[in-house]
């Protein structure tokens, strides 16, 4: 299994956990929850960038 697939699976699991257990997409979402989802997405994009960069070498 490639590293990109592993990172994508970890990201999806994190989003599902955030949705089900932390109620990130609920009606009473705080700015902290919004920023945490944004940070999780940024970490995902940065990880994809570095994995792709290292696989091309």
PDB file of N, CA and C in Angstrom:
ATOM      1  N   UNK A   1       0.855  -1.169   0.000  1.00  0.00           N
ATOM      2  CA  UNK A   1       0.000   0.000   0.000  1.00  0.00           C
ATOM      3  C   UNK A   1       0.904   1.236   0.000  1.00  0.00           C
ATOM      4  N   UNK A   2       0.573   2.190  -0.835  1.00  0.00           N
ATOM      5  CA  UNK A   2       1.411   3.380  -0.946  1.00  0.00           C
ATOM      6  C   UNK A   2       1.190   4.307   0.246  1.00  0.00           C
ATOM      7  N   UNK A   3       2.149   5.178   0.451  1.00  0.00           N
ATOM      8  CA  UNK A   3       2.077   6.113   1.573  1.00  0.00           C
ATOM      9  C   UNK A   3       0.937   7.110   1.404  1.00  0.00           C
ATOM     10  N   UNK A   4       0.626   7.467   0.154  1.00  0.00           N
ATOM     11  CA  UNK A   4      -0.470   8.403  -0.091  1.00  0.00           C
ATOM     12  C   UNK A   4      -1.800   7.784   0.348  1.00  0.00           C
ATOM     13  N   UNK A   5      -1.994   6.509   0.071  1.00  0.00           N
ATOM     14  CA  UNK A   5      -3.221   5.838   0.489  1.00  0.00           C
ATOM     15  C   UNK A   5      -3.318   5.757   2.007  1.00  0.00           C
ATOM     16  N   UNK A   6      -2.200   5.480   2.656  1.00  0.00           N
ATOM     17  CA  UNK A   6      -2.187   5.395   4.117  1.00  0.00           C
ATOM     18  C   UNK A   6      -2.530   6.748   4.733  1.00  0.00           C
ATOM     19  N   UNK A   7      -1.942   7.814   4.212  1.00  0.00           N
ATOM     20  CA  UNK A   7      -2.231   9.155   4.721  1.00  0.00           C
ATOM     21  C   UNK A   7      -3.690   9.516   4.481  1.00  0.00           C
ATOM     22  N   UNK A   8      -4.223   9.147   3.329  1.00  0.00           N
ATOM     23  CA  UNK A   8      -5.624   9.441   3.028  1.00  0.00           C
ATOM     24  C   UNK A   8      -6.574   8.691   3.952  1.00  0.00           C
ATOM     25  N   UNK A   9      -6.245   7.455   4.267  1.00  0.00           N
ATOM     26  CA  UNK A   9      -7.074   6.673   5.179  1.00  0.00           C
ATOM     27  C   UNK A   9      -7.041   7.274   6.584  1.00  0.00           C
ATOM     28  N   UNK A  10      -5.861   7.682   7.045  1.00  0.00           N
ATOM     29  CA  UNK A  10      -5.743   8.312   8.358  1.00  0.00           C
ATOM     30  C   UNK A  10      -6.534   9.613   8.400  1.00  0.00           C
ATOM     31  N   UNK A  11      -6.479  10.389   7.329  1.00  0.00           N
ATOM     32  CA  UNK A  11      -7.236  11.645   7.259  1.00  0.00           C
ATOM     33  C   UNK A  11      -8.739  11.375   7.327  1.00  0.00           C
ATOM     34  N   UNK A  12      -9.201  10.403   6.557  1.00  0.00           N
ATOM     35  CA  UNK A  12     -10.627  10.074   6.544  1.00  0.00           C
ATOM     36  C   UNK A  12     -11.097   9.585   7.914  1.00  0.00           C
ATOM     37  N   UNK A  13     -10.292   8.766   8.564  1.00  0.00           N
ATOM     38  CA  UNK A  13     -10.644   8.294   9.905  1.00  0.00           C
ATOM     39  C   UNK A  13     -10.723   9.468  10.877  1.00  0.00           C
ATOM     40  N   UNK A  14      -9.798  10.404  10.768  1.00  0.00           N
ATOM     41  CA  UNK A  14      -9.834  11.587  11.620  1.00  0.00           C
ATOM     42  C   UNK A  14     -11.065  12.433  11.402  1.00  0.00           C
ATOM     43  N   UNK A  15     -11.469  12.592  10.145  1.00  0.00           N
ATOM     44  CA  UNK A  15     -12.679  13.359   9.837  1.00  0.00           C
ATOM     45  C   UNK A  15     -13.918  12.647  10.380  1.00  0.00           C
ATOM     46  N   UNK A  16     -13.973  11.338  10.238  1.00  0.00           N
ATOM     47  CA  UNK A  16     -15.122  10.569  10.746  1.00  0.00           C
ATOM     48  C   UNK A  16     -15.193  10.649  12.273  1.00  0.00           C
ATOM     49  N   UNK A  17     -14.053  10.517  12.936  1.00  0.00           N
ATOM     50  CA  UNK A  17     -14.022  10.634  14.395  1.00  0.00           C
ATOM     51  C   UNK A  17     -14.468  12.027  14.829  1.00  0.00           C
ATOM     52  N   UNK A  18     -13.994  13.053  14.125  1.00  0.00           N
ATOM     53  CA  UNK A  18     -14.411  14.416  14.445  1.00  0.00           C
ATOM     54  C   UNK A  18     -15.900  14.622  14.262  1.00  0.00           C
ATOM     55  N   UNK A  19     -16.459  14.022  13.242  1.00  0.00           N
ATOM     56  CA  UNK A  19     -17.891  14.185  12.961  1.00  0.00           C
ATOM     57  C   UNK A  19     -18.753  13.428  13.970  1.00  0.00           C
ATOM     58  N   UNK A  20     -18.354  12.221  14.307  1.00  0.00           N
ATOM     59  CA  UNK A  20     -19.200  11.387  15.160  1.00  0.00           C
ATOM     60  C   UNK A  20     -19.024  11.651  16.654  1.00  0.00           C
ATOM     61  N   UNK A  21     -17.789  11.804  17.091  1.00  0.00           N
ATOM     62  CA  UNK A  21     -17.537  11.890  18.529  1.00  0.00           C
ATOM     63  C   UNK A  21     -17.374  13.313  19.048  1.00  0.00           C
ATOM     64  N   UNK A  22     -16.873  14.212  18.224  1.00  0.00           N
ATOM     65  CA  UNK A  22     -16.644  15.582  18.676  1.00  0.00           C
ATOM     66  C   UNK A  22     -17.678  16.557  18.143  1.00  0.00           C
ATOM     67  N   UNK A  23     -18.636  16.073  17.346  1.00  0.00           N
ATOM     68  CA  UNK A  23     -19.735  16.877  16.823  1.00  0.00           C
ATOM     69  C   UNK A  23     -19.230  18.160  16.155  1.00  0.00           C
ATOM     70  N   UNK A  24     -18.260  18.000  15.283  1.00  0.00           N
ATOM     71  CA  UNK A  24     -17.631  19.154  14.628  1.00  0.00           C
ATOM     72  C   UNK A  24     -18.599  19.861  13.694  1.00  0.00           C
ATOM     73  N   UNK A  25     -19.493  19.119  13.066  1.00  0.00           N
ATOM     74  CA  UNK A  25     -20.427  19.721  12.122  1.00  0.00           C
ATOM     75  C   UNK A  25     -21.807  19.948  12.747  1.00  0.00           C
ATOM     76  N   UNK A  26     -21.849  20.067  14.067  1.00  0.00           N
ATOM     77  CA  UNK A  26     -23.116  20.313  14.743  1.00  0.00           C
ATOM     78  C   UNK A  26     -23.547  21.769  14.598  1.00  0.00           C
ATOM     79  N   UNK A  27     -24.724  22.046  15.099  1.00  0.00           N
ATOM     80  CA  UNK A  27     -25.281  23.394  14.991  1.00  0.00           C
ATOM     81  C   UNK A  27     -24.553  24.388  15.885  1.00  0.00           C
ATOM     82  N   UNK A  28     -23.985  23.923  16.969  1.00  0.00           N
ATOM     83  CA  UNK A  28     -23.309  24.816  17.913  1.00  0.00           C
ATOM     84  C   UNK A  28     -21.786  24.676  17.832  1.00  0.00           C
ATOM     85  N   UNK A  29     -21.259  24.803  16.646  1.00  0.00           N
ATOM     86  CA  UNK A  29     -19.824  24.657  16.429  1.00  0.00           C
ATOM     87  C   UNK A  29     -19.086  25.908  16.898  1.00  0.00           C
ATOM     88  N   UNK A  30     -18.054  25.697  17.684  1.00  0.00           N
ATOM     89  CA  UNK A  30     -17.258  26.810  18.185  1.00  0.00           C
ATOM     90  C   UNK A  30     -16.116  27.105  17.210  1.00  0.00           C
ATOM     91  N   UNK A  31     -15.520  28.276  17.330  1.00  0.00           N
ATOM     92  CA  UNK A  31     -14.367  28.590  16.470  1.00  0.00           C
ATOM     93  C   UNK A  31     -13.199  27.621  16.666  1.00  0.00           C
ATOM     94  N   UNK A  32     -13.055  27.087  17.864  1.00  0.00           N
ATOM     95  CA  UNK A  32     -11.985  26.123  18.117  1.00  0.00           C
ATOM     96  C   UNK A  32     -12.186  24.845  17.305  1.00  0.00           C
ATOM     97  N   UNK A  33     -13.414  24.367  17.229  1.00  0.00           N
ATOM     98  CA  UNK A  33     -13.702  23.175  16.418  1.00  0.00           C
ATOM     99  C   UNK A  33     -13.436  23.451  14.941  1.00  0.00           C
ATOM    100  N   UNK A  34     -13.826  24.625  14.485  1.00  0.00           N
ATOM    101  CA  UNK A  34     -13.606  24.985  13.084  1.00  0.00           C
ATOM    102  C   UNK A  34     -12.120  25.044  12.766  1.00  0.00           C
ATOM    103  N   UNK A  35     -11.360  25.658  13.649  1.00  0.00           N
ATOM    104  CA  UNK A  35      -9.913  25.744  13.433  1.00  0.00           C
ATOM    105  C   UNK A  35      -9.237  24.383  13.526  1.00  0.00           C
ATOM    106  N   UNK A  36      -9.758  23.498  14.360  1.00  0.00           N
ATOM    107  CA  UNK A  36      -9.153  22.169  14.464  1.00  0.00           C
ATOM    108  C   UNK A  36      -9.337  21.373  13.178  1.00  0.00           C
ATOM    109  N   UNK A  37     -10.511  21.482  12.557  1.00  0.00           N
ATOM    110  CA  UNK A  37     -10.741  20.799  11.273  1.00  0.00           C
ATOM    111  C   UNK A  37      -9.863  21.424  10.197  1.00  0.00           C
ATOM    112  N   UNK A  38      -9.739  22.741  10.213  1.00  0.00           N
ATOM    113  CA  UNK A  38      -8.875  23.417   9.248  1.00  0.00           C
ATOM    114  C   UNK A  38      -7.423  22.980   9.430  1.00  0.00           C
ATOM    115  N   UNK A  39      -6.964  22.896  10.664  1.00  0.00           N
ATOM    116  CA  UNK A  39      -5.588  22.468  10.939  1.00  0.00           C
ATOM    117  C   UNK A  39      -5.376  21.020  10.493  1.00  0.00           C
ATOM    118  N   UNK A  40      -6.361  20.147  10.730  1.00  0.00           N
ATOM    119  CA  UNK A  40      -6.260  18.751  10.313  1.00  0.00           C
ATOM    120  C   UNK A  40      -6.118  18.646   8.797  1.00  0.00           C
ATOM    121  N   UNK A  41      -6.850  19.481   8.063  1.00  0.00           N
ATOM    122  CA  UNK A  41      -6.774  19.492   6.608  1.00  0.00           C
ATOM    123  C   UNK A  41      -5.422  20.030   6.134  1.00  0.00           C
ATOM    124  N   UNK A  42      -4.911  21.045   6.794  1.00  0.00           N
ATOM    125  CA  UNK A  42      -3.597  21.590   6.438  1.00  0.00           C
ATOM    126  C   UNK A  42      -2.504  20.547   6.670  1.00  0.00           C
ATOM    127  N   UNK A  43      -2.583  19.846   7.781  1.00  0.00           N
ATOM    128  CA  UNK A  43      -1.607  18.781   8.056  1.00  0.00           C
ATOM    129  C   UNK A  43      -1.683  17.707   6.975  1.00  0.00           C
ATOM    130  N   UNK A  44      -2.891  17.359   6.547  1.00  0.00           N
ATOM    131  CA  UNK A  44      -3.079  16.368   5.486  1.00  0.00           C
ATOM    132  C   UNK A  44      -2.430  16.831   4.186  1.00  0.00           C
ATOM    133  N   UNK A  45      -2.651  18.080   3.809  1.00  0.00           N
ATOM    134  CA  UNK A  45      -2.096  18.602   2.555  1.00  0.00           C
ATOM    135  C   UNK A  45      -0.574  18.657   2.615  1.00  0.00           C
ATOM    136  N   UNK A  46      -0.023  19.082   3.736  1.00  0.00           N
ATOM    137  CA  UNK A  46       1.435  19.138   3.888  1.00  0.00           C
ATOM    138  C   UNK A  46       2.027  17.725   3.838  1.00  0.00           C
ATOM    139  N   UNK A  47       1.381  16.770   4.494  1.00  0.00           N
ATOM    140  CA  UNK A  47       1.860  15.384   4.459  1.00  0.00           C
ATOM    141  C   UNK A  47       1.833  14.829   3.044  1.00  0.00           C
ATOM    142  N   UNK A  48       0.761  15.105   2.309  1.00  0.00           N
ATOM    143  CA  UNK A  48       0.693  14.651   0.920  1.00  0.00           C
ATOM    144  C   UNK A  48       1.807  15.270   0.075  1.00  0.00           C
ATOM    145  N   UNK A  49       2.078  16.536   0.293  1.00  0.00           N
ATOM    146  CA  UNK A  49       3.131  17.218  -0.459  1.00  0.00           C
ATOM    147  C   UNK A  49       4.484  16.552  -0.224  1.00  0.00           C
ATOM    148  N   UNK A  50       4.834  16.311   1.041  1.00  0.00           N
ATOM    149  CA  UNK A  50       6.140  15.736   1.331  1.00  0.00           C
ATOM    150  C   UNK A  50       6.246  14.275   0.907  1.00  0.00           C
ATOM    151  N   UNK A  51       5.179  13.516   1.028  1.00  0.00           N
ATOM    152  CA  UNK A  51       5.222  12.123   0.585  1.00  0.00           C
ATOM    153  C   UNK A  51       5.394  12.058  -0.923  1.00  0.00           C
ATOM    154  N   UNK A  52       4.662  12.894  -1.648  1.00  0.00           N
ATOM    155  CA  UNK A  52       4.772  12.916  -3.106  1.00  0.00           C
ATOM    156  C   UNK A  52       6.163  13.382  -3.527  1.00  0.00           C
ATOM    157  N   UNK A  53       6.697  14.353  -2.821  1.00  0.00           N
ATOM    158  CA  UNK A  53       8.037  14.865  -3.127  1.00  0.00           C
ATOM    159  C   UNK A  53       9.087  13.777  -2.918  1.00  0.00           C
ATOM    160  N   UNK A  54       8.959  13.003  -1.833  1.00  0.00           N
ATOM    161  CA  UNK A  54       9.934  11.937  -1.550  1.00  0.00           C
ATOM    162  C   UNK A  54       9.768  10.742  -2.466  1.00  0.00           C
ATOM    163  N   UNK A  55       8.549  10.469  -2.947  1.00  0.00           N
ATOM    164  CA  UNK A  55       8.345   9.336  -3.848  1.00  0.00           C
ATOM    165  C   UNK A  55       8.877   9.620  -5.248  1.00  0.00           C
ATOM    166  N   UNK A  56       8.949  10.874  -5.626  1.00  0.00           N
ATOM    167  CA  UNK A  56       9.444  11.213  -6.958  1.00  0.00           C
ATOM    168  C   UNK A  56      10.972  11.131  -7.060  1.00  0.00           C
ATOM    169  N   UNK A  57      11.653  11.129  -5.938  1.00  0.00           N
ATOM    170  CA  UNK A  57      13.123  11.069  -5.972  1.00  0.00           C
ATOM    171  C   UNK A  57      13.629   9.712  -6.325  1.00  0.00           C
TER     172      UNK A  57
END
